[in-house]
Amino acid sequence: MKKIGIINCYEVSKRCSGSGCFKAFNNNTGAFEEYADKDTELISFVHCNGCGEQSVEEVLAKARRMKELGVEYIHLSSCIRSKCPWYNDFIKELSNDHNVVGYTHSKKK
């Protein structure tokens, strides 16, 4: 079974329920199409701690906790991809211990 975690943007989470990420996971759409014929489980859905000097370290701390729960695949939410100045740093650092996918779903229509 592939165990998946999602990290979303704290600032966007103030106005977003995360339903787009969950809908994509549940319907095997967007970044989750690759798992369509595989047994998967969404283990964790967390947000970063907001923009700041420690953003990368704080995300890595959450990823370490996810790893303790068995998460192998971390998806950065689409809002992180489109809005976060640390997006590339997140991918680089998270890739040391996880399979990282840089988005969750496409934009709302």
N, C-alpha and C. Protein backbone atom coordinates (compact mmCIF):
# COMPACT_ATOMS: atom_id res chain seq x y z
N MET A 1 0.84 -1.17 0.00
CA MET A 1 0.00 0.00 0.00
C MET A 1 0.90 1.25 0.00
N LYS A 2 0.54 2.19 -0.84
CA LYS A 2 1.26 3.46 -0.90
C LYS A 2 0.62 4.42 0.10
N LYS A 3 1.45 4.92 1.02
CA LYS A 3 0.96 5.84 2.04
C LYS A 3 1.37 7.25 1.65
N ILE A 4 0.38 8.13 1.63
CA ILE A 4 0.53 9.47 1.08
C ILE A 4 0.24 10.53 2.14
N GLY A 5 1.00 11.62 2.06
CA GLY A 5 0.76 12.79 2.88
C GLY A 5 0.67 14.01 1.98
N ILE A 6 -0.10 14.99 2.40
CA ILE A 6 -0.23 16.24 1.65
C ILE A 6 0.16 17.39 2.58
N ILE A 7 0.96 18.30 2.05
CA ILE A 7 1.28 19.53 2.78
C ILE A 7 0.68 20.68 1.98
N ASN A 8 -0.16 21.46 2.65
CA ASN A 8 -0.76 22.62 1.97
C ASN A 8 -0.27 23.92 2.58
N CYS A 9 -0.64 25.02 1.98
CA CYS A 9 -0.20 26.35 2.37
C CYS A 9 -1.05 26.87 3.53
N TYR A 10 -0.39 27.29 4.59
CA TYR A 10 -1.10 27.82 5.75
C TYR A 10 -1.94 29.05 5.38
N GLU A 11 -1.36 29.97 4.63
CA GLU A 11 -2.08 31.19 4.28
C GLU A 11 -3.33 30.87 3.46
N VAL A 12 -3.21 29.98 2.50
CA VAL A 12 -4.37 29.61 1.68
C VAL A 12 -5.38 28.82 2.51
N SER A 13 -4.90 28.05 3.49
CA SER A 13 -5.82 27.25 4.31
C SER A 13 -6.79 28.12 5.11
N LYS A 14 -6.50 29.40 5.24
CA LYS A 14 -7.42 30.30 5.94
C LYS A 14 -8.71 30.51 5.15
N ARG A 15 -8.65 30.24 3.83
CA ARG A 15 -9.84 30.43 3.00
C ARG A 15 -10.18 29.20 2.16
N CYS A 16 -9.42 28.11 2.35
CA CYS A 16 -9.63 26.90 1.57
C CYS A 16 -9.83 25.72 2.51
N SER A 17 -10.81 24.92 2.21
CA SER A 17 -11.11 23.75 3.05
C SER A 17 -10.23 22.55 2.74
N GLY A 18 -9.48 22.62 1.65
CA GLY A 18 -8.68 21.46 1.24
C GLY A 18 -9.48 20.48 0.40
N SER A 19 -10.70 20.82 0.10
CA SER A 19 -11.58 19.88 -0.60
C SER A 19 -11.06 19.53 -2.00
N GLY A 20 -10.38 20.46 -2.67
CA GLY A 20 -9.84 20.16 -3.99
C GLY A 20 -8.78 19.07 -3.93
N CYS A 21 -7.94 19.12 -2.90
CA CYS A 21 -6.91 18.08 -2.71
C CYS A 21 -7.57 16.73 -2.42
N PHE A 22 -8.55 16.72 -1.51
CA PHE A 22 -9.23 15.48 -1.17
C PHE A 22 -10.02 14.92 -2.35
N LYS A 23 -10.68 15.80 -3.09
CA LYS A 23 -11.43 15.36 -4.26
C LYS A 23 -10.50 14.71 -5.28
N ALA A 24 -9.35 15.33 -5.53
CA ALA A 24 -8.39 14.75 -6.47
C ALA A 24 -7.91 13.39 -5.98
N PHE A 25 -7.62 13.28 -4.69
CA PHE A 25 -7.17 11.99 -4.15
C PHE A 25 -8.28 10.94 -4.28
N ASN A 26 -9.47 11.28 -3.83
CA ASN A 26 -10.57 10.31 -3.84
C ASN A 26 -10.99 9.88 -5.24
N ASN A 27 -10.84 10.78 -6.22
CA ASN A 27 -11.25 10.48 -7.60
C ASN A 27 -10.09 10.08 -8.51
N ASN A 28 -8.89 9.96 -7.93
CA ASN A 28 -7.70 9.61 -8.73
C ASN A 28 -7.53 10.55 -9.92
N THR A 29 -7.63 11.85 -9.65
CA THR A 29 -7.42 12.85 -10.70
C THR A 29 -6.22 13.71 -10.34
N GLY A 30 -5.85 14.60 -11.23
CA GLY A 30 -4.70 15.46 -10.99
C GLY A 30 -3.45 14.63 -10.75
N ALA A 31 -2.71 14.97 -9.74
CA ALA A 31 -1.46 14.27 -9.43
C ALA A 31 -1.69 12.85 -8.94
N PHE A 32 -2.90 12.53 -8.59
CA PHE A 32 -3.19 11.20 -8.04
C PHE A 32 -3.58 10.19 -9.11
N GLU A 33 -3.61 10.62 -10.38
CA GLU A 33 -3.91 9.69 -11.48
C GLU A 33 -2.93 8.53 -11.51
N GLU A 34 -1.69 8.80 -11.14
CA GLU A 34 -0.67 7.75 -11.18
C GLU A 34 -0.95 6.60 -10.21
N TYR A 35 -1.84 6.83 -9.24
CA TYR A 35 -2.17 5.78 -8.27
C TYR A 35 -3.48 5.07 -8.60
N ALA A 36 -4.07 5.35 -9.72
CA ALA A 36 -5.42 4.86 -10.03
C ALA A 36 -5.57 3.35 -9.87
N ASP A 37 -4.57 2.59 -10.22
CA ASP A 37 -4.68 1.14 -10.12
C ASP A 37 -3.89 0.57 -8.94
N LYS A 38 -3.59 1.42 -7.97
CA LYS A 38 -2.80 1.00 -6.82
C LYS A 38 -3.58 1.20 -5.53
N ASP A 39 -3.20 0.44 -4.53
CA ASP A 39 -3.80 0.56 -3.21
C ASP A 39 -3.12 1.72 -2.49
N THR A 40 -3.88 2.75 -2.14
CA THR A 40 -3.32 3.94 -1.50
C THR A 40 -4.10 4.31 -0.25
N GLU A 41 -3.43 5.04 0.61
CA GLU A 41 -4.07 5.54 1.81
C GLU A 41 -3.52 6.93 2.10
N LEU A 42 -4.42 7.89 2.30
CA LEU A 42 -4.01 9.23 2.67
C LEU A 42 -3.84 9.24 4.19
N ILE A 43 -2.61 9.38 4.63
CA ILE A 43 -2.26 9.26 6.04
C ILE A 43 -2.29 10.61 6.76
N SER A 44 -1.87 11.65 6.06
CA SER A 44 -1.70 12.94 6.73
C SER A 44 -2.00 14.10 5.78
N PHE A 45 -2.64 15.13 6.32
CA PHE A 45 -2.92 16.36 5.60
C PHE A 45 -2.58 17.49 6.56
N VAL A 46 -1.48 18.18 6.32
CA VAL A 46 -1.02 19.25 7.21
C VAL A 46 -0.73 20.50 6.41
N HIS A 47 -0.64 21.62 7.09
CA HIS A 47 -0.22 22.83 6.41
C HIS A 47 1.15 23.24 6.94
N CYS A 48 1.83 24.04 6.15
CA CYS A 48 3.08 24.62 6.62
C CYS A 48 2.73 25.56 7.78
N ASN A 49 3.72 26.19 8.36
CA ASN A 49 3.45 27.10 9.47
C ASN A 49 3.41 28.55 9.03
N GLY A 50 3.28 28.77 7.73
CA GLY A 50 3.24 30.13 7.21
C GLY A 50 4.61 30.56 6.72
N CYS A 51 4.64 31.70 6.10
CA CYS A 51 5.88 32.20 5.52
C CYS A 51 6.78 32.78 6.60
N GLY A 52 8.01 32.37 6.56
CA GLY A 52 8.99 32.87 7.52
C GLY A 52 10.35 32.27 7.26
N GLU A 53 11.32 32.73 7.99
CA GLU A 53 12.69 32.27 7.79
C GLU A 53 12.86 30.77 8.03
N GLN A 54 12.00 30.20 8.85
CA GLN A 54 12.12 28.78 9.21
C GLN A 54 11.17 27.88 8.41
N SER A 55 10.59 28.39 7.35
CA SER A 55 9.58 27.63 6.60
C SER A 55 10.06 26.25 6.17
N VAL A 56 11.24 26.18 5.59
CA VAL A 56 11.74 24.89 5.11
C VAL A 56 11.96 23.94 6.28
N GLU A 57 12.60 24.41 7.34
CA GLU A 57 12.86 23.55 8.50
C GLU A 57 11.56 23.06 9.14
N GLU A 58 10.56 23.92 9.20
CA GLU A 58 9.29 23.53 9.80
C GLU A 58 8.57 22.49 8.95
N VAL A 59 8.63 22.62 7.63
CA VAL A 59 8.03 21.61 6.76
C VAL A 59 8.77 20.29 6.88
N LEU A 60 10.09 20.35 6.98
CA LEU A 60 10.87 19.12 7.14
C LEU A 60 10.53 18.43 8.46
N ALA A 61 10.28 19.19 9.51
CA ALA A 61 9.89 18.59 10.78
C ALA A 61 8.56 17.85 10.65
N LYS A 62 7.62 18.45 9.94
CA LYS A 62 6.33 17.77 9.72
C LYS A 62 6.52 16.52 8.86
N ALA A 63 7.39 16.60 7.87
CA ALA A 63 7.66 15.45 7.01
C ALA A 63 8.29 14.31 7.80
N ARG A 64 9.14 14.63 8.75
CA ARG A 64 9.74 13.58 9.59
C ARG A 64 8.66 12.87 10.39
N ARG A 65 7.70 13.62 10.92
CA ARG A 65 6.59 12.99 11.65
C ARG A 65 5.75 12.13 10.71
N MET A 66 5.56 12.60 9.48
CA MET A 66 4.82 11.81 8.50
C MET A 66 5.55 10.49 8.23
N LYS A 67 6.87 10.58 8.09
CA LYS A 67 7.66 9.38 7.82
C LYS A 67 7.50 8.36 8.95
N GLU A 68 7.45 8.83 10.19
CA GLU A 68 7.23 7.95 11.33
C GLU A 68 5.90 7.22 11.22
N LEU A 69 4.94 7.83 10.52
CA LEU A 69 3.62 7.21 10.31
C LEU A 69 3.59 6.32 9.07
N GLY A 70 4.72 6.23 8.37
CA GLY A 70 4.80 5.37 7.20
C GLY A 70 4.60 6.06 5.87
N VAL A 71 4.47 7.39 5.87
CA VAL A 71 4.27 8.12 4.62
C VAL A 71 5.54 8.03 3.77
N GLU A 72 5.34 7.62 2.53
CA GLU A 72 6.44 7.53 1.57
C GLU A 72 6.35 8.61 0.50
N TYR A 73 5.13 9.02 0.19
CA TYR A 73 4.87 9.98 -0.88
C TYR A 73 4.28 11.25 -0.29
N ILE A 74 4.96 12.36 -0.52
CA ILE A 74 4.43 13.65 -0.07
C ILE A 74 4.06 14.47 -1.30
N HIS A 75 2.83 14.93 -1.28
CA HIS A 75 2.35 15.84 -2.31
C HIS A 75 2.33 17.24 -1.73
N LEU A 76 2.96 18.17 -2.42
CA LEU A 76 2.80 19.57 -2.07
C LEU A 76 1.53 20.04 -2.76
N SER A 77 0.69 20.73 -2.04
CA SER A 77 -0.58 21.15 -2.62
C SER A 77 -0.36 22.09 -3.79
N SER A 78 -1.35 22.16 -4.63
CA SER A 78 -1.29 23.05 -5.79
C SER A 78 -1.14 24.50 -5.37
N CYS A 79 -1.67 24.87 -4.21
CA CYS A 79 -1.52 26.25 -3.75
C CYS A 79 -0.07 26.55 -3.37
N ILE A 80 0.64 25.59 -2.86
CA ILE A 80 2.06 25.80 -2.59
C ILE A 80 2.80 26.00 -3.90
N ARG A 81 2.47 25.17 -4.89
CA ARG A 81 3.15 25.30 -6.18
C ARG A 81 2.93 26.68 -6.78
N SER A 82 1.74 27.22 -6.65
CA SER A 82 1.44 28.49 -7.32
C SER A 82 1.79 29.73 -6.49
N LYS A 83 1.94 29.59 -5.17
CA LYS A 83 2.09 30.79 -4.35
C LYS A 83 3.33 30.84 -3.46
N CYS A 84 4.01 29.74 -3.25
CA CYS A 84 5.04 29.69 -2.22
C CYS A 84 6.44 30.01 -2.75
N PRO A 85 7.14 30.94 -2.11
CA PRO A 85 8.51 31.25 -2.53
C PRO A 85 9.50 30.13 -2.19
N TRP A 86 9.11 29.20 -1.32
CA TRP A 86 10.00 28.10 -0.92
C TRP A 86 9.68 26.79 -1.63
N TYR A 87 8.79 26.83 -2.61
CA TYR A 87 8.37 25.62 -3.32
C TYR A 87 9.56 24.77 -3.77
N ASN A 88 10.49 25.34 -4.49
CA ASN A 88 11.63 24.57 -5.00
C ASN A 88 12.50 24.05 -3.87
N ASP A 89 12.67 24.84 -2.82
CA ASP A 89 13.43 24.39 -1.65
C ASP A 89 12.73 23.22 -0.97
N PHE A 90 11.40 23.30 -0.85
CA PHE A 90 10.65 22.19 -0.26
C PHE A 90 10.90 20.90 -1.04
N ILE A 91 10.77 20.98 -2.37
CA ILE A 91 10.96 19.79 -3.19
C ILE A 91 12.37 19.24 -3.01
N LYS A 92 13.35 20.10 -3.09
CA LYS A 92 14.75 19.66 -2.96
C LYS A 92 14.99 18.95 -1.63
N GLU A 93 14.57 19.56 -0.54
CA GLU A 93 14.85 19.01 0.78
C GLU A 93 13.98 17.79 1.11
N LEU A 94 12.71 17.84 0.75
CA LEU A 94 11.83 16.70 1.02
C LEU A 94 12.23 15.47 0.21
N SER A 95 12.82 15.68 -0.95
CA SER A 95 13.21 14.57 -1.83
C SER A 95 14.31 13.71 -1.24
N ASN A 96 14.97 14.19 -0.21
CA ASN A 96 16.02 13.39 0.43
C ASN A 96 15.45 12.16 1.14
N ASP A 97 14.21 12.25 1.62
CA ASP A 97 13.61 11.15 2.38
C ASP A 97 12.26 10.67 1.87
N HIS A 98 11.71 11.34 0.87
CA HIS A 98 10.38 10.98 0.38
C HIS A 98 10.34 11.05 -1.14
N ASN A 99 9.35 10.39 -1.68
CA ASN A 99 8.98 10.62 -3.07
C ASN A 99 8.09 11.85 -3.05
N VAL A 100 8.47 12.88 -3.78
CA VAL A 100 7.75 14.15 -3.72
C VAL A 100 7.06 14.41 -5.05
N VAL A 101 5.79 14.80 -4.95
CA VAL A 101 5.01 15.22 -6.12
C VAL A 101 4.65 16.68 -5.87
N GLY A 102 4.89 17.53 -6.84
CA GLY A 102 4.80 18.96 -6.64
C GLY A 102 3.44 19.60 -6.76
N TYR A 103 2.38 18.82 -6.79
CA TYR A 103 1.04 19.41 -6.83
C TYR A 103 0.02 18.35 -6.45
N THR A 104 -1.23 18.76 -6.34
CA THR A 104 -2.30 17.82 -6.02
C THR A 104 -3.38 17.81 -7.09
N HIS A 105 -3.83 18.97 -7.51
CA HIS A 105 -4.95 19.04 -8.46
C HIS A 105 -4.76 20.23 -9.39
N SER A 106 -5.57 20.25 -10.42
CA SER A 106 -5.52 21.39 -11.34
C SER A 106 -6.33 22.54 -10.76
N LYS A 107 -6.22 23.70 -11.38
CA LYS A 107 -6.96 24.86 -10.90
C LYS A 107 -8.45 24.65 -11.04
N LYS A 108 -9.20 25.33 -10.19
CA LYS A 108 -10.66 25.27 -10.28
C LYS A 108 -11.09 25.92 -11.58
N LYS A 109 -12.15 25.39 -12.15
CA LYS A 109 -12.66 25.94 -13.41
C LYS A 109 -13.79 26.89 -13.15
